[in-house]
Amino acid sequence: MECHEAKKDAKIIDEIVTYLIKHGFDNINIDIKRSKEISTITFKMKHTKQTEEMFTNIVEELNQHQEVEIEEFYWQLLGESDDEYNFSLLGTIVNKVRYYHDIEDSFLEFIRTRKHSC
């Protein structure tokens, strides 16, 4: 069976960067950490009141349980629509999403347990 774990991480990055750019963020830093079992992808951008409200809502929608049984099918559907964002679909391939901030920066962190190492 072909391993798609790296592509799933790339889909997360693509979906979130596209969303952020379309919502006016123009300085986005991405930190990717991959171990044999876990991927952690952290997006960093300037903190504003808007980011706090936006990301609190996104995190609520994304923090559903990872559904390993359907993950292999759903990850391929991500990014198929330019007009809307289906964060519940993205939520099926991540274990946890968290938002936090300091005085200057906001962070949106995605953690997913991988089935295979690639």
N, C-alpha and C. Protein backbone atom coordinates (compact mmCIF):
# COMPACT_ATOMS: atom_id res chain seq x y z
N MET A 1 0.84 -1.19 0.00
CA MET A 1 0.00 0.00 0.00
C MET A 1 0.88 1.25 0.00
N GLU A 2 0.57 2.20 -0.85
CA GLU A 2 1.35 3.42 -0.95
C GLU A 2 1.16 4.27 0.30
N CYS A 3 2.23 4.87 0.75
CA CYS A 3 2.18 5.70 1.94
C CYS A 3 1.85 7.15 1.54
N HIS A 4 0.84 7.74 2.17
CA HIS A 4 0.40 9.09 1.84
C HIS A 4 0.60 10.05 2.99
N GLU A 5 1.35 9.66 3.97
CA GLU A 5 1.47 10.49 5.17
C GLU A 5 2.08 11.85 4.87
N ALA A 6 3.11 11.92 4.05
CA ALA A 6 3.72 13.21 3.71
C ALA A 6 2.73 14.08 2.93
N LYS A 7 1.94 13.47 2.06
CA LYS A 7 0.95 14.22 1.29
C LYS A 7 -0.15 14.78 2.21
N LYS A 8 -0.51 14.04 3.24
CA LYS A 8 -1.52 14.53 4.19
C LYS A 8 -1.01 15.76 4.92
N ASP A 9 0.25 15.73 5.34
CA ASP A 9 0.84 16.91 5.97
C ASP A 9 0.84 18.08 5.00
N ALA A 10 1.19 17.83 3.76
CA ALA A 10 1.22 18.89 2.75
C ALA A 10 -0.18 19.46 2.50
N LYS A 11 -1.21 18.61 2.54
CA LYS A 11 -2.59 19.08 2.35
C LYS A 11 -3.01 20.01 3.49
N ILE A 12 -2.62 19.67 4.71
CA ILE A 12 -2.92 20.54 5.86
C ILE A 12 -2.30 21.91 5.62
N ILE A 13 -1.03 21.92 5.24
CA ILE A 13 -0.31 23.17 5.01
C ILE A 13 -0.99 23.97 3.90
N ASP A 14 -1.30 23.31 2.80
CA ASP A 14 -1.94 23.98 1.67
C ASP A 14 -3.28 24.59 2.06
N GLU A 15 -4.12 23.83 2.75
CA GLU A 15 -5.44 24.33 3.14
C GLU A 15 -5.33 25.55 4.05
N ILE A 16 -4.47 25.48 5.05
CA ILE A 16 -4.39 26.57 6.02
C ILE A 16 -3.71 27.79 5.41
N VAL A 17 -2.65 27.62 4.64
CA VAL A 17 -2.00 28.77 4.00
C VAL A 17 -2.95 29.46 3.04
N THR A 18 -3.68 28.69 2.25
CA THR A 18 -4.66 29.28 1.34
C THR A 18 -5.70 30.09 2.12
N TYR A 19 -6.21 29.51 3.20
CA TYR A 19 -7.20 30.21 4.04
C TYR A 19 -6.62 31.51 4.59
N LEU A 20 -5.41 31.45 5.13
CA LEU A 20 -4.79 32.62 5.74
C LEU A 20 -4.55 33.73 4.71
N ILE A 21 -4.05 33.36 3.55
CA ILE A 21 -3.79 34.35 2.50
C ILE A 21 -5.09 35.00 2.05
N LYS A 22 -6.13 34.20 1.87
CA LYS A 22 -7.43 34.75 1.44
C LYS A 22 -8.05 35.65 2.51
N HIS A 23 -7.60 35.50 3.77
CA HIS A 23 -8.11 36.35 4.84
C HIS A 23 -7.14 37.46 5.23
N GLY A 24 -6.21 37.78 4.32
CA GLY A 24 -5.39 38.97 4.49
C GLY A 24 -4.09 38.81 5.25
N PHE A 25 -3.73 37.60 5.61
CA PHE A 25 -2.45 37.42 6.30
C PHE A 25 -1.34 37.38 5.26
N ASP A 26 -0.33 38.23 5.44
CA ASP A 26 0.73 38.30 4.44
C ASP A 26 2.12 38.00 5.00
N ASN A 27 2.19 37.61 6.26
CA ASN A 27 3.46 37.22 6.85
C ASN A 27 3.21 35.97 7.69
N ILE A 28 3.39 34.83 7.08
CA ILE A 28 3.08 33.54 7.71
C ILE A 28 4.36 32.71 7.78
N ASN A 29 4.68 32.24 8.96
CA ASN A 29 5.81 31.32 9.13
C ASN A 29 5.26 29.94 9.46
N ILE A 30 5.88 28.92 8.90
CA ILE A 30 5.43 27.55 9.12
C ILE A 30 6.59 26.74 9.69
N ASP A 31 6.32 26.04 10.78
CA ASP A 31 7.31 25.16 11.40
C ASP A 31 6.77 23.73 11.32
N ILE A 32 7.55 22.84 10.73
CA ILE A 32 7.13 21.45 10.56
C ILE A 32 8.09 20.56 11.32
N LYS A 33 7.54 19.73 12.19
CA LYS A 33 8.33 18.75 12.91
C LYS A 33 7.71 17.38 12.66
N ARG A 34 8.51 16.45 12.15
CA ARG A 34 8.01 15.11 11.85
C ARG A 34 8.89 14.09 12.55
N SER A 35 8.27 13.26 13.36
CA SER A 35 8.97 12.12 13.93
C SER A 35 8.40 10.87 13.26
N LYS A 36 8.81 9.73 13.71
CA LYS A 36 8.31 8.49 13.11
C LYS A 36 6.80 8.34 13.28
N GLU A 37 6.27 8.82 14.40
CA GLU A 37 4.85 8.63 14.70
C GLU A 37 3.98 9.88 14.60
N ILE A 38 4.57 11.07 14.75
CA ILE A 38 3.76 12.28 14.89
C ILE A 38 4.26 13.39 13.97
N SER A 39 3.32 14.11 13.40
CA SER A 39 3.62 15.34 12.67
C SER A 39 3.05 16.51 13.46
N THR A 40 3.84 17.56 13.62
CA THR A 40 3.37 18.79 14.24
C THR A 40 3.66 19.92 13.26
N ILE A 41 2.61 20.63 12.88
CA ILE A 41 2.72 21.74 11.94
C ILE A 41 2.20 22.98 12.64
N THR A 42 3.06 23.99 12.76
CA THR A 42 2.69 25.21 13.46
C THR A 42 2.78 26.40 12.51
N PHE A 43 1.69 27.16 12.46
CA PHE A 43 1.63 28.38 11.66
C PHE A 43 1.76 29.56 12.61
N LYS A 44 2.60 30.51 12.27
CA LYS A 44 2.82 31.68 13.11
C LYS A 44 2.53 32.93 12.28
N MET A 45 1.74 33.84 12.83
CA MET A 45 1.43 35.10 12.17
C MET A 45 1.22 36.18 13.22
N LYS A 46 1.12 37.41 12.80
CA LYS A 46 0.94 38.53 13.71
C LYS A 46 -0.37 38.39 14.49
N HIS A 47 -0.29 38.64 15.80
CA HIS A 47 -1.48 38.53 16.65
C HIS A 47 -2.31 39.80 16.57
N THR A 48 -3.61 39.61 16.34
CA THR A 48 -4.58 40.71 16.40
C THR A 48 -5.84 40.16 17.06
N LYS A 49 -6.74 41.04 17.41
CA LYS A 49 -8.03 40.61 17.96
C LYS A 49 -8.77 39.74 16.94
N GLN A 50 -8.62 40.09 15.65
CA GLN A 50 -9.26 39.33 14.57
C GLN A 50 -8.75 37.89 14.56
N THR A 51 -7.44 37.70 14.69
CA THR A 51 -6.90 36.34 14.64
C THR A 51 -7.41 35.52 15.82
N GLU A 52 -7.52 36.15 16.97
CA GLU A 52 -8.00 35.42 18.15
C GLU A 52 -9.41 34.91 17.94
N GLU A 53 -10.30 35.75 17.47
CA GLU A 53 -11.68 35.34 17.23
C GLU A 53 -11.78 34.30 16.12
N MET A 54 -11.05 34.53 15.03
CA MET A 54 -11.09 33.64 13.88
C MET A 54 -10.58 32.25 14.26
N PHE A 55 -9.44 32.20 14.92
CA PHE A 55 -8.82 30.92 15.21
C PHE A 55 -9.53 30.15 16.32
N THR A 56 -10.14 30.85 17.25
CA THR A 56 -10.91 30.16 18.28
C THR A 56 -12.06 29.38 17.63
N ASN A 57 -12.73 29.99 16.65
CA ASN A 57 -13.81 29.31 15.94
C ASN A 57 -13.30 28.16 15.10
N ILE A 58 -12.18 28.35 14.42
CA ILE A 58 -11.61 27.31 13.57
C ILE A 58 -11.21 26.10 14.41
N VAL A 59 -10.57 26.35 15.54
CA VAL A 59 -10.12 25.25 16.41
C VAL A 59 -11.29 24.42 16.89
N GLU A 60 -12.39 25.07 17.25
CA GLU A 60 -13.58 24.33 17.68
C GLU A 60 -14.06 23.39 16.57
N GLU A 61 -14.07 23.87 15.34
CA GLU A 61 -14.54 23.05 14.23
C GLU A 61 -13.56 21.93 13.90
N LEU A 62 -12.27 22.20 14.03
CA LEU A 62 -11.25 21.21 13.67
C LEU A 62 -11.04 20.14 14.73
N ASN A 63 -11.31 20.45 15.97
CA ASN A 63 -11.01 19.50 17.03
C ASN A 63 -12.10 18.46 17.20
N GLN A 64 -12.24 17.66 16.19
CA GLN A 64 -13.06 16.47 16.29
C GLN A 64 -12.09 15.30 16.29
N HIS A 65 -12.58 14.13 16.51
CA HIS A 65 -11.70 12.97 16.56
C HIS A 65 -11.19 12.61 15.18
N GLN A 66 -9.91 12.30 15.12
CA GLN A 66 -9.33 11.79 13.88
C GLN A 66 -10.03 10.48 13.55
N GLU A 67 -10.42 10.32 12.31
CA GLU A 67 -11.13 9.12 11.89
C GLU A 67 -10.25 8.33 10.95
N VAL A 68 -9.45 7.45 11.54
CA VAL A 68 -8.46 6.69 10.78
C VAL A 68 -9.10 5.88 9.67
N GLU A 69 -10.29 5.36 9.90
CA GLU A 69 -10.95 4.51 8.92
C GLU A 69 -11.25 5.25 7.62
N ILE A 70 -11.59 6.52 7.72
CA ILE A 70 -11.95 7.28 6.52
C ILE A 70 -10.88 8.27 6.10
N GLU A 71 -9.81 8.36 6.87
CA GLU A 71 -8.75 9.31 6.59
C GLU A 71 -8.16 9.12 5.20
N GLU A 72 -7.95 7.89 4.78
CA GLU A 72 -7.35 7.61 3.48
C GLU A 72 -8.19 8.14 2.33
N PHE A 73 -9.49 8.22 2.52
CA PHE A 73 -10.37 8.74 1.48
C PHE A 73 -10.49 10.26 1.56
N TYR A 74 -10.74 10.80 2.76
CA TYR A 74 -11.04 12.22 2.91
C TYR A 74 -9.87 13.14 2.60
N TRP A 75 -8.64 12.75 2.92
CA TRP A 75 -7.53 13.67 2.70
C TRP A 75 -7.41 14.06 1.24
N GLN A 76 -7.81 13.16 0.34
CA GLN A 76 -7.72 13.45 -1.08
C GLN A 76 -8.73 14.50 -1.53
N LEU A 77 -9.81 14.66 -0.78
CA LEU A 77 -10.84 15.64 -1.12
C LEU A 77 -10.48 17.06 -0.70
N LEU A 78 -9.51 17.21 0.19
CA LEU A 78 -9.13 18.54 0.66
C LEU A 78 -8.63 19.39 -0.50
N GLY A 79 -9.03 20.65 -0.50
CA GLY A 79 -8.56 21.57 -1.53
C GLY A 79 -9.32 21.49 -2.83
N GLU A 80 -10.41 20.76 -2.88
CA GLU A 80 -11.15 20.60 -4.13
C GLU A 80 -12.06 21.79 -4.43
N SER A 81 -12.32 22.65 -3.45
CA SER A 81 -13.19 23.78 -3.67
C SER A 81 -12.44 25.07 -3.33
N ASP A 82 -12.48 26.05 -4.23
CA ASP A 82 -11.83 27.33 -3.99
C ASP A 82 -12.72 28.30 -3.23
N ASP A 83 -14.00 28.01 -3.14
CA ASP A 83 -14.95 28.98 -2.60
C ASP A 83 -15.28 28.80 -1.12
N GLU A 84 -15.06 27.63 -0.57
CA GLU A 84 -15.43 27.41 0.82
C GLU A 84 -14.39 26.54 1.49
N TYR A 85 -14.39 26.57 2.81
CA TYR A 85 -13.44 25.80 3.59
C TYR A 85 -14.21 24.80 4.41
N ASN A 86 -13.85 23.55 4.29
CA ASN A 86 -14.50 22.50 5.03
C ASN A 86 -13.56 22.04 6.13
N PHE A 87 -13.56 22.77 7.24
CA PHE A 87 -12.64 22.44 8.31
C PHE A 87 -13.01 21.13 8.99
N SER A 88 -14.28 20.73 8.92
CA SER A 88 -14.63 19.44 9.51
C SER A 88 -13.98 18.31 8.72
N LEU A 89 -13.83 18.47 7.42
CA LEU A 89 -13.13 17.48 6.59
C LEU A 89 -11.65 17.44 6.97
N LEU A 90 -11.05 18.61 7.12
CA LEU A 90 -9.65 18.68 7.54
C LEU A 90 -9.48 18.06 8.93
N GLY A 91 -10.47 18.24 9.78
CA GLY A 91 -10.42 17.70 11.13
C GLY A 91 -10.38 16.18 11.19
N THR A 92 -10.78 15.51 10.11
CA THR A 92 -10.76 14.05 10.12
C THR A 92 -9.35 13.48 10.01
N ILE A 93 -8.37 14.31 9.62
CA ILE A 93 -7.01 13.77 9.48
C ILE A 93 -6.05 14.30 10.54
N VAL A 94 -6.54 15.11 11.48
CA VAL A 94 -5.68 15.60 12.56
C VAL A 94 -6.19 15.12 13.91
N ASN A 95 -5.27 14.93 14.84
CA ASN A 95 -5.65 14.52 16.19
C ASN A 95 -6.05 15.71 17.05
N LYS A 96 -5.29 16.79 16.93
CA LYS A 96 -5.54 17.95 17.79
C LYS A 96 -5.09 19.21 17.08
N VAL A 97 -5.87 20.27 17.28
CA VAL A 97 -5.51 21.60 16.81
C VAL A 97 -5.59 22.53 18.00
N ARG A 98 -4.59 23.38 18.12
CA ARG A 98 -4.65 24.32 19.22
C ARG A 98 -4.19 25.68 18.75
N TYR A 99 -4.79 26.70 19.36
CA TYR A 99 -4.46 28.09 19.08
C TYR A 99 -3.92 28.70 20.35
N TYR A 100 -2.83 29.43 20.23
CA TYR A 100 -2.29 30.18 21.36
C TYR A 100 -1.59 31.41 20.82
N HIS A 101 -1.30 32.36 21.71
CA HIS A 101 -0.66 33.60 21.26
C HIS A 101 0.17 34.20 22.39
N ASP A 102 1.09 35.05 21.98
CA ASP A 102 1.80 35.90 22.93
C ASP A 102 1.45 37.34 22.56
N ILE A 103 2.19 38.29 23.02
CA ILE A 103 1.85 39.69 22.77
C ILE A 103 1.88 40.03 21.28
N GLU A 104 2.84 39.49 20.55
CA GLU A 104 3.02 39.86 19.15
C GLU A 104 2.51 38.85 18.13
N ASP A 105 2.56 37.57 18.47
CA ASP A 105 2.30 36.53 17.48
C ASP A 105 1.16 35.59 17.89
N SER A 106 0.48 35.07 16.87
CA SER A 106 -0.52 34.03 17.03
C SER A 106 0.03 32.74 16.44
N PHE A 107 -0.36 31.62 17.04
CA PHE A 107 0.12 30.32 16.59
C PHE A 107 -1.07 29.38 16.43
N LEU A 108 -1.10 28.67 15.34
CA LEU A 108 -2.11 27.66 15.08
C LEU A 108 -1.35 26.36 14.85
N GLU A 109 -1.54 25.39 15.75
CA GLU A 109 -0.73 24.17 15.75
C GLU A 109 -1.60 22.95 15.45
N PHE A 110 -1.15 22.14 14.51
CA PHE A 110 -1.83 20.91 14.11
C PHE A 110 -0.97 19.73 14.51
N ILE A 111 -1.56 18.77 15.18
CA ILE A 111 -0.84 17.57 15.59
C ILE A 111 -1.59 16.37 15.02
N ARG A 112 -0.84 15.49 14.33
CA ARG A 112 -1.48 14.29 13.81
C ARG A 112 -0.56 13.09 14.02
N THR A 113 -1.18 11.99 14.41
CA THR A 113 -0.47 10.72 14.54
C THR A 113 -0.51 10.05 13.19
N ARG A 114 0.66 9.67 12.72
CA ARG A 114 0.74 9.04 11.41
C ARG A 114 0.62 7.53 11.53
N LYS A 115 0.01 6.93 10.52
CA LYS A 115 -0.13 5.47 10.48
C LYS A 115 1.15 4.81 10.01
N HIS A 116 1.89 5.46 9.13
CA HIS A 116 3.10 4.92 8.54
C HIS A 116 4.18 5.98 8.58
N SER A 117 5.40 5.59 8.55
CA SER A 117 6.48 6.57 8.36
C SER A 117 6.87 6.53 6.89
N CYS A 118 7.12 7.68 6.32
CA CYS A 118 7.47 7.78 4.90
C CYS A 118 8.90 8.26 4.76
